[in-house]
Amino acid sequence: MFEELKKDDNLVYKSIKRELKRQREQIELIASENFAPVSVMQTCATPLTNKYAEGYPKARWYGGCSYVDEVEDIARDRVKKLFGAEHANVQPHSGTQANMAVMMAVLKPGDTVLSMDLACGGHLSHGHPLNFSGKFYNIVAYGVNKDTECLDYDEIEELAIEHKPKLILAGASAYPRIIDFRRFREIADKVGAYLLVDMAHFAGLVAAKIYPNPCDYAEFVTSTTHKTLRGPRGGLILCRKDFARKIDTAVFPGTQGGPFMHIIAAKAVGFGLALKPEFAQYQKKIVSNCKHFAASMSEKKYRIVSGGTDTHLFLVDLRSKDITGKKAALVLEEVNITVNKNLIPFDPKPPVVASGIRIGTPAITTRGIEKDGINRIVDFIDEALSNRDDPGILREIKTKVIGFIQEYPLYLEIKDD
């Protein structure tokens, strides 16, 4: 499959080969990662990468776009059907660029946005001071209740009434509970704000109808197309038809030039797969696996933030184990288990250290791991963190991890040669 690459650039080829080996031999628990189907990856590597197609189907700036128009129409039609949306834009290169386009469409620099605090589970593009969102807009952050570690909708309403945001942003990258979009809609209506839901993390669960559909409540919904949705890396915007022109203009020419037609084609393939009945069963398995994982960690005396999870991820507070999130992530990587350090609500440590880790089940569910396998993974994690300063034991655990994960072979059809 990579004969030409190996010949033209053996250095890059070797790095790809090593990365494939890493993916095959590590237990992937990063909540935002997954393994795209082979058909999606094959579509990314097609001659569509050669085609410039600035504009939209039937309204391009360049000629020769008949067939890429077909592809983009397929992607838009499928994603609208998948989420019951009135309008779709599948051109954003990422979830962050999707958020940028929505904000550009309805906000002016300096306008107030009410969004989730990064320390409580929000995303960089929801108002981090170094991100475009924090630089261009007046961000007012809401968080979670200190006792329940869940969203406090009464407090969010009070903040909205006090600050009169033009846009309220719901959605998170590290919040394990279902978000009440109906309540967000009521709050937005009370203060005359637009509602934007960033469903990047839980889009697959929404598609499977096991998580509330934000399209029923929000003017704008953004998402990535990977993560739980299991397509290629990219973004999308769904909106009510009244905002279609504003959104399309904000994407092109507002924030992007030529769209990546090979990625849009891969999005279309991913959306098609998500429309099949087996996709819903897969999403249900992601959630049941995650609930079991969190419960198993709790049995090992790890504190689970908010007491559990309703979704594909959960947060582990490591303070009682006398280890930071940063140190835990490094130790686990030594034994071929991949997680990320993560702030917990009201974390006393800085983000680069953090007191917790985030664990997600999309990737291991793709590999076919179920409850018995999860029990073994929890044992590996606990054994590694308990023996974090013993290199000999960590090497033994790594050997066991590699043996275990090879029982669930990665389906990538790429020969190591």
Protein backbone atom coordinates (compact mmCIF):
# COMPACT_ATOMS: atom_id res chain seq x y z
CA MET A 1 0.00 0.00 0.00
CA PHE A 2 2.87 2.40 0.73
CA GLU A 3 5.30 1.32 -1.96
CA GLU A 4 5.54 4.76 -3.59
CA LEU A 5 5.89 6.54 -0.26
CA LYS A 6 8.60 4.13 0.85
CA LYS A 7 10.48 4.85 -2.37
CA ASP A 8 10.00 8.64 -2.36
CA ASP A 9 10.41 9.36 1.34
CA ASN A 10 11.61 6.48 3.45
CA LEU A 11 12.03 8.73 6.49
CA VAL A 12 8.32 9.60 6.65
CA TYR A 13 7.40 6.03 5.76
CA LYS A 14 9.33 4.74 8.77
CA SER A 15 7.58 7.18 11.09
CA ILE A 16 4.19 6.04 9.81
CA LYS A 17 5.19 2.43 10.26
CA ARG A 18 6.23 3.11 13.86
CA GLU A 19 2.97 4.92 14.54
CA LEU A 20 0.99 1.97 13.21
CA LYS A 21 2.94 -0.30 15.54
CA ARG A 22 2.16 2.03 18.44
CA GLN A 23 -1.55 1.98 17.65
CA ARG A 24 -1.56 -1.80 17.40
CA GLU A 25 0.30 -2.34 20.69
CA GLN A 26 -1.15 0.37 22.95
CA ILE A 27 -4.47 0.52 24.78
CA GLU A 28 -6.00 3.77 23.55
CA LEU A 29 -8.07 5.48 26.26
CA ILE A 30 -7.93 9.11 25.09
CA ALA A 31 -11.61 10.09 24.92
CA SER A 32 -11.26 12.20 21.76
CA GLU A 33 -9.52 9.47 19.74
CA ASN A 34 -10.86 6.55 17.76
CA PHE A 35 -9.91 4.29 14.86
CA ALA A 36 -11.52 5.32 11.57
CA PRO A 37 -12.89 2.52 9.36
CA VAL A 38 -10.64 1.43 6.52
CA SER A 39 -13.13 2.76 3.96
CA VAL A 40 -12.88 6.22 5.54
CA MET A 41 -9.07 6.15 5.48
CA GLN A 42 -9.04 4.91 1.89
CA THR A 43 -11.29 7.81 0.87
CA CYS A 44 -8.84 10.28 2.44
CA ALA A 45 -6.15 8.98 0.08
CA THR A 46 -7.97 9.50 -3.23
CA PRO A 47 -7.43 11.83 -6.22
CA LEU A 48 -10.03 14.17 -4.74
CA THR A 49 -7.09 15.69 -2.85
CA ASN A 50 -6.04 17.22 -6.18
CA LYS A 51 -9.21 19.29 -6.68
CA TYR A 52 -9.69 22.90 -5.67
CA ALA A 53 -13.37 23.70 -5.09
CA GLU A 54 -13.76 27.11 -3.48
CA GLY A 55 -17.41 27.88 -2.96
CA TYR A 56 -20.31 25.45 -2.73
CA PRO A 57 -21.95 22.89 -5.02
CA LYS A 58 -23.24 24.56 -8.20
CA ALA A 59 -21.57 27.82 -7.10
CA ARG A 60 -17.81 27.20 -7.36
CA TRP A 61 -15.11 29.65 -8.34
CA TYR A 62 -13.25 26.99 -10.33
CA GLY A 63 -14.35 24.72 -13.15
CA GLY A 64 -14.22 20.93 -13.18
CA CYS A 65 -16.22 20.53 -9.97
CA SER A 66 -19.12 18.35 -11.15
CA TYR A 67 -18.02 15.25 -9.29
CA VAL A 68 -16.83 16.91 -6.11
CA ASP A 69 -20.20 18.68 -6.08
CA GLU A 70 -21.80 15.24 -6.02
CA VAL A 71 -19.63 14.21 -3.10
CA GLU A 72 -20.36 17.32 -1.04
CA ASP A 73 -24.10 17.00 -1.68
CA ILE A 74 -23.98 13.38 -0.50
CA ALA A 75 -22.18 14.45 2.69
CA ARG A 76 -24.62 17.28 3.40
CA ASP A 77 -27.71 15.16 2.74
CA ARG A 78 -26.47 12.31 4.91
CA VAL A 79 -25.49 14.45 7.89
CA LYS A 80 -28.81 16.34 7.78
CA LYS A 81 -30.61 13.01 7.84
CA LEU A 82 -28.39 11.71 10.61
CA PHE A 83 -29.16 14.61 12.96
CA GLY A 84 -32.48 15.90 11.63
CA ALA A 85 -30.92 19.24 10.71
CA GLU A 86 -32.32 21.86 8.34
CA HIS A 87 -28.94 22.94 6.92
CA ALA A 88 -25.43 21.54 7.00
CA ASN A 89 -21.99 22.85 6.15
CA VAL A 90 -19.40 20.07 5.92
CA GLN A 91 -16.42 22.20 4.91
CA PRO A 92 -14.84 23.20 8.28
CA HIS A 93 -11.41 21.64 8.71
CA SER A 94 -11.92 21.19 12.46
CA GLY A 95 -14.34 21.67 15.31
CA THR A 96 -12.53 24.83 16.35
CA GLN A 97 -12.93 26.31 12.87
CA ALA A 98 -16.60 25.37 12.96
CA ASN A 99 -16.98 27.29 16.24
CA MET A 100 -15.06 30.20 14.77
CA ALA A 101 -17.38 30.39 11.77
CA VAL A 102 -20.53 30.38 13.91
CA MET A 103 -19.18 33.14 16.13
CA MET A 104 -18.12 35.17 13.12
CA ALA A 105 -21.58 34.74 11.60
CA VAL A 106 -23.56 36.19 14.51
CA LEU A 107 -21.13 38.08 16.76
CA LYS A 108 -19.03 41.21 16.61
CA PRO A 109 -15.66 41.54 18.37
CA GLY A 110 -16.26 42.33 22.02
CA ASP A 111 -19.68 40.67 22.22
CA THR A 112 -20.33 38.61 25.34
CA VAL A 113 -20.31 34.80 25.19
CA LEU A 114 -21.38 32.62 28.12
CA SER A 115 -19.51 29.32 27.94
CA MET A 116 -18.16 26.50 30.07
CA ASP A 117 -14.98 27.07 32.03
CA LEU A 118 -12.07 25.00 30.69
CA ALA A 119 -11.23 23.95 34.26
CA CYS A 120 -14.68 22.39 34.59
CA GLY A 121 -14.67 20.59 31.25
CA GLY A 122 -14.95 23.24 28.54
CA HIS A 123 -12.87 23.42 25.35
CA LEU A 124 -10.13 25.81 24.23
CA SER A 125 -12.40 27.24 21.52
CA HIS A 126 -15.01 28.13 24.14
CA GLY A 127 -13.01 31.05 25.47
CA HIS A 128 -9.43 30.23 26.41
CA PRO A 129 -7.53 33.54 26.55
CA LEU A 130 -4.94 32.37 24.01
CA ASN A 131 -7.59 31.07 21.60
CA PHE A 132 -9.42 33.22 19.03
CA SER A 133 -12.56 32.94 21.17
CA GLY A 134 -10.88 34.46 24.21
CA LYS A 135 -9.06 37.10 22.18
CA PHE A 136 -12.03 38.44 20.17
CA TYR A 137 -14.99 38.06 22.54
CA ASN A 138 -15.89 38.90 26.12
CA ILE A 139 -16.07 35.47 27.74
CA VAL A 140 -18.11 34.87 30.87
CA ALA A 141 -17.52 31.36 32.18
CA TYR A 142 -19.94 29.06 33.96
CA GLY A 143 -18.81 25.96 35.81
CA VAL A 144 -20.17 23.08 37.84
CA ASN A 145 -21.59 22.78 41.33
CA LYS A 146 -18.83 22.14 43.85
CA ASP A 147 -20.76 19.39 45.62
CA THR A 148 -22.27 17.50 42.66
CA GLU A 149 -19.62 18.41 40.05
CA CYS A 150 -22.53 18.73 37.61
CA LEU A 151 -23.83 21.77 35.76
CA ASP A 152 -25.81 24.17 37.95
CA TYR A 153 -28.47 25.50 35.57
CA ASP A 154 -29.83 28.01 38.10
CA GLU A 155 -26.35 29.54 38.39
CA ILE A 156 -25.99 29.57 34.60
CA GLU A 157 -29.31 31.41 34.37
CA GLU A 158 -28.21 33.95 36.95
CA LEU A 159 -24.99 34.61 35.00
CA ALA A 160 -26.98 34.99 31.80
CA ILE A 161 -29.36 37.50 33.37
CA GLU A 162 -26.46 39.46 34.86
CA HIS A 163 -24.20 39.58 31.78
CA LYS A 164 -26.74 39.45 28.90
CA PRO A 165 -24.62 37.35 26.50
CA LYS A 166 -25.36 37.48 22.81
CA LEU A 167 -24.39 33.80 22.52
CA ILE A 168 -24.58 30.94 25.01
CA LEU A 169 -22.33 27.98 24.28
CA ALA A 170 -23.13 24.51 25.62
CA GLY A 171 -20.94 21.46 25.20
CA ALA A 172 -17.66 20.26 26.65
CA SER A 173 -14.56 18.15 26.15
CA ALA A 174 -14.37 16.68 29.66
CA TYR A 175 -17.89 16.58 31.13
CA PRO A 176 -19.23 13.08 31.79
CA ARG A 177 -22.92 13.86 32.24
CA ILE A 178 -25.78 14.48 29.81
CA ILE A 179 -26.35 18.19 29.15
CA ASP A 180 -29.88 19.58 29.45
CA PHE A 181 -30.26 21.44 26.15
CA ARG A 182 -33.92 22.27 26.85
CA ARG A 183 -32.87 24.22 29.93
CA PHE A 184 -30.12 25.99 27.97
CA ARG A 185 -32.76 26.95 25.37
CA GLU A 186 -35.00 28.40 28.08
CA ILE A 187 -32.10 30.42 29.50
CA ALA A 188 -31.10 31.69 26.05
CA ASP A 189 -34.68 32.74 25.29
CA LYS A 190 -34.94 34.55 28.63
CA VAL A 191 -32.00 36.84 27.75
CA GLY A 192 -32.42 36.94 23.95
CA ALA A 193 -29.24 34.98 23.20
CA TYR A 194 -28.36 32.57 20.42
CA LEU A 195 -27.63 29.01 21.51
CA LEU A 196 -24.63 27.15 20.10
CA VAL A 197 -24.05 23.53 21.08
CA ASP A 198 -20.63 22.01 20.47
CA MET A 199 -21.36 18.27 20.33
CA ALA A 200 -17.92 17.23 19.10
CA HIS A 201 -17.42 14.68 21.86
CA PHE A 202 -20.84 13.07 21.93
CA ALA A 203 -22.01 13.41 18.30
CA GLY A 204 -21.94 9.64 17.81
CA LEU A 205 -24.17 9.18 20.85
CA VAL A 206 -26.59 11.77 19.45
CA ALA A 207 -26.63 9.99 16.08
CA ALA A 208 -27.49 6.77 17.89
CA LYS A 209 -30.34 8.53 19.74
CA ILE A 210 -28.92 7.71 23.17
CA TYR A 211 -28.08 11.36 23.93
CA PRO A 212 -30.46 14.35 23.46
CA ASN A 213 -30.28 15.91 20.00
CA PRO A 214 -29.14 19.54 20.30
CA CYS A 215 -30.59 20.29 16.85
CA ASP A 216 -34.00 20.23 18.53
CA TYR A 217 -33.05 23.22 20.68
CA ALA A 218 -30.15 25.24 19.27
CA GLU A 219 -29.84 27.60 16.33
CA PHE A 220 -26.33 26.28 15.75
CA VAL A 221 -24.66 22.92 16.38
CA THR A 222 -21.00 22.22 15.68
CA SER A 223 -19.04 19.00 15.79
CA THR A 224 -15.93 17.22 14.78
CA THR A 225 -16.37 14.23 12.49
CA HIS A 226 -14.00 11.84 14.28
CA LYS A 227 -14.18 11.01 18.01
CA THR A 228 -17.40 9.05 18.69
CA LEU A 229 -18.61 9.73 15.13
CA ARG A 230 -15.66 7.69 13.83
CA GLY A 231 -15.13 9.51 10.55
CA PRO A 232 -12.07 11.42 9.32
CA ARG A 233 -10.61 14.32 11.28
CA GLY A 234 -12.66 17.38 10.41
CA GLY A 235 -15.57 19.59 11.41
CA LEU A 236 -19.16 20.40 10.53
CA ILE A 237 -21.89 22.94 11.27
CA LEU A 238 -25.62 22.29 11.49
CA CYS A 239 -28.07 25.18 11.71
CA ARG A 240 -31.61 26.30 11.13
CA LYS A 241 -32.29 27.19 7.52
CA ASP A 242 -32.78 30.89 8.37
CA PHE A 243 -29.06 31.06 9.17
CA ALA A 244 -27.81 28.98 6.22
CA ARG A 245 -26.46 31.87 4.18
CA LYS A 246 -24.75 33.51 7.18
CA ILE A 247 -23.06 30.26 8.15
CA ASP A 248 -21.95 29.37 4.63
CA THR A 249 -20.51 32.85 4.13
CA ALA A 250 -18.71 32.69 7.47
CA VAL A 251 -17.03 29.42 6.44
CA PHE A 252 -16.21 30.56 2.89
CA PRO A 253 -14.82 33.13 2.41
CA GLY A 254 -14.99 34.09 6.09
CA THR A 255 -12.61 31.59 7.71
CA GLN A 256 -11.45 29.20 4.98
CA GLY A 257 -10.46 29.02 1.34
CA GLY A 258 -10.61 25.81 -0.62
CA PRO A 259 -12.27 22.89 1.16
CA PHE A 260 -10.53 19.52 1.44
CA MET A 261 -12.66 17.50 -0.96
CA HIS A 262 -10.98 14.19 -0.12
CA ILE A 263 -11.86 14.73 3.55
CA ILE A 264 -15.42 15.79 2.70
CA ALA A 265 -15.77 12.55 0.74
CA ALA A 266 -14.48 10.63 3.77
CA LYS A 267 -17.00 12.50 5.92
CA ALA A 268 -19.73 11.33 3.54
CA VAL A 269 -18.56 7.73 3.97
CA GLY A 270 -18.48 8.13 7.75
CA PHE A 271 -21.98 9.62 7.82
CA GLY A 272 -23.22 6.75 5.67
CA LEU A 273 -21.79 4.22 8.12
CA ALA A 274 -23.35 6.13 11.03
CA LEU A 275 -26.78 5.78 9.42
CA LYS A 276 -26.58 1.99 9.61
CA PRO A 277 -28.31 0.15 12.51
CA GLU A 278 -25.08 -1.44 13.75
CA PHE A 279 -23.66 2.04 14.46
CA ALA A 280 -26.29 2.61 17.15
CA GLN A 281 -25.40 -0.71 18.77
CA TYR A 282 -21.74 0.30 18.74
CA GLN A 283 -22.56 3.60 20.49
CA LYS A 284 -24.61 1.82 23.15
CA LYS A 285 -21.61 -0.44 23.76
CA ILE A 286 -19.32 2.61 24.14
CA VAL A 287 -21.54 3.95 26.93
CA SER A 288 -22.05 0.63 28.71
CA ASN A 289 -18.29 0.02 28.55
CA CYS A 290 -17.63 3.47 30.00
CA LYS A 291 -20.06 3.01 32.87
CA HIS A 292 -18.48 -0.35 33.68
CA PHE A 293 -14.95 1.12 33.43
CA ALA A 294 -15.80 3.93 35.86
CA ALA A 295 -17.43 1.52 38.30
CA SER A 296 -14.41 -0.82 38.15
CA MET A 297 -12.04 2.07 38.85
CA SER A 298 -14.22 3.10 41.78
CA GLU A 299 -13.95 -0.42 43.19
CA LYS A 300 -10.18 0.09 43.21
CA LYS A 301 -10.72 3.18 45.38
CA TYR A 302 -10.23 5.76 42.65
CA ARG A 303 -12.57 8.74 43.01
CA ILE A 304 -14.66 9.31 39.89
CA VAL A 305 -15.63 12.94 39.28
CA SER A 306 -19.42 13.46 39.64
CA GLY A 307 -19.68 9.87 40.83
CA GLY A 308 -19.86 8.25 37.41
CA THR A 309 -20.70 8.89 33.76
CA ASP A 310 -23.59 8.98 31.29
CA THR A 311 -21.38 9.11 28.22
CA HIS A 312 -18.19 7.88 26.58
CA LEU A 313 -15.79 9.41 29.10
CA PHE A 314 -15.13 9.93 32.79
CA LEU A 315 -12.61 11.78 34.95
CA VAL A 316 -10.49 10.21 37.68
CA ASP A 317 -9.40 12.31 40.67
CA LEU A 318 -5.96 10.98 41.63
CA ARG A 319 -5.30 13.08 44.70
CA SER A 320 -6.04 10.24 47.12
CA LYS A 321 -3.45 8.13 45.28
CA ASP A 322 -0.79 10.82 45.80
CA ILE A 323 0.01 11.15 42.11
CA THR A 324 -0.62 13.98 39.65
CA GLY A 325 -2.38 13.62 36.32
CA LYS A 326 0.85 14.45 34.51
CA LYS A 327 2.81 11.75 36.32
CA ALA A 328 0.02 9.18 35.91
CA ALA A 329 -0.17 9.75 32.15
CA LEU A 330 3.59 9.32 31.81
CA VAL A 331 3.62 6.14 33.91
CA LEU A 332 0.75 4.62 31.96
CA GLU A 333 2.42 5.43 28.65
CA GLU A 334 5.45 3.45 29.88
CA VAL A 335 3.20 0.38 30.02
CA ASN A 336 1.50 1.10 26.67
CA ILE A 337 -1.70 2.61 28.03
CA THR A 338 -2.55 6.04 26.61
CA VAL A 339 -4.58 8.58 28.59
CA ASN A 340 -4.34 12.33 29.05
CA LYS A 341 -3.84 14.39 32.17
CA ASN A 342 -6.91 16.50 32.90
CA LEU A 343 -8.02 19.17 35.30
CA ILE A 344 -10.74 18.15 37.72
CA PRO A 345 -13.33 20.70 38.88
CA PHE A 346 -11.77 23.24 41.27
CA ASP A 347 -8.38 21.64 40.71
CA PRO A 348 -5.68 23.06 43.00
CA LYS A 349 -2.96 22.21 40.48
CA PRO A 350 -2.14 24.06 37.24
CA PRO A 351 -3.33 22.65 33.88
CA VAL A 352 0.14 21.43 32.91
CA VAL A 353 0.19 19.22 36.00
CA ALA A 354 -3.49 18.55 36.82
CA SER A 355 -4.92 16.30 39.51
CA GLY A 356 -6.77 13.93 37.24
CA ILE A 357 -6.84 11.87 34.08
CA ARG A 358 -9.55 11.56 31.46
CA ILE A 359 -10.53 8.10 30.24
CA GLY A 360 -12.70 7.30 27.22
CA THR A 361 -13.99 4.09 25.66
CA PRO A 362 -14.59 4.80 21.93
CA ALA A 363 -11.28 3.35 20.69
CA ILE A 364 -11.27 0.21 22.84
CA THR A 365 -14.92 -0.42 21.89
CA THR A 366 -13.93 -0.21 18.22
CA ARG A 367 -11.38 -2.96 18.92
CA GLY A 368 -14.08 -5.18 20.42
CA ILE A 369 -13.11 -4.92 24.08
CA GLU A 370 -15.98 -5.52 26.51
CA LYS A 371 -16.43 -5.81 30.28
CA ASP A 372 -14.01 -8.68 30.97
CA GLY A 373 -11.31 -6.92 28.96
CA ILE A 374 -12.02 -3.65 30.76
CA ASN A 375 -11.53 -5.39 34.11
CA ARG A 376 -8.08 -6.44 32.94
CA ILE A 377 -7.26 -2.91 31.79
CA VAL A 378 -8.28 -1.53 35.20
CA ASP A 379 -5.95 -4.05 36.83
CA PHE A 380 -3.11 -2.93 34.54
CA ILE A 381 -3.75 0.73 35.40
CA ASP A 382 -3.91 0.13 39.13
CA GLU A 383 -0.83 -2.09 39.12
CA ALA A 384 1.17 0.45 37.12
CA LEU A 385 0.22 3.46 39.24
CA SER A 386 0.80 1.50 42.44
CA ASN A 387 4.30 0.52 41.26
CA ARG A 388 5.13 3.73 39.43
CA ASP A 389 8.68 3.92 40.77
CA ASP A 390 9.63 0.31 40.01
CA PRO A 391 10.98 0.05 36.43
CA GLY A 392 11.15 -3.75 36.60
CA ILE A 393 7.47 -4.16 37.44
CA LEU A 394 6.49 -1.56 34.82
CA ARG A 395 8.36 -3.54 32.14
CA GLU A 396 6.47 -6.68 33.20
CA ILE A 397 3.15 -4.84 32.98
CA LYS A 398 4.02 -3.52 29.52
CA THR A 399 4.66 -7.08 28.31
CA LYS A 400 1.28 -8.14 29.70
CA VAL A 401 -0.45 -5.15 28.09
CA ILE A 402 1.00 -5.93 24.65
CA GLY A 403 -0.05 -9.56 24.98
CA PHE A 404 -3.55 -8.52 26.03
CA ILE A 405 -4.18 -5.93 23.30
CA GLN A 406 -3.05 -8.34 20.59
CA GLU A 407 -6.11 -10.40 21.50
CA TYR A 408 -8.05 -7.51 19.90
CA PRO A 409 -6.18 -6.92 16.63
CA LEU A 410 -6.44 -3.52 15.03
CA TYR A 411 -8.32 -3.86 11.78
CA LEU A 412 -6.04 -1.62 9.71
CA GLU A 413 -5.28 -3.46 6.50
CA ILE A 414 -1.72 -2.23 6.15
CA LYS A 415 1.11 -4.69 5.86
CA ASP A 416 4.22 -4.00 7.90
CA ASP A 417 6.39 -5.62 5.22
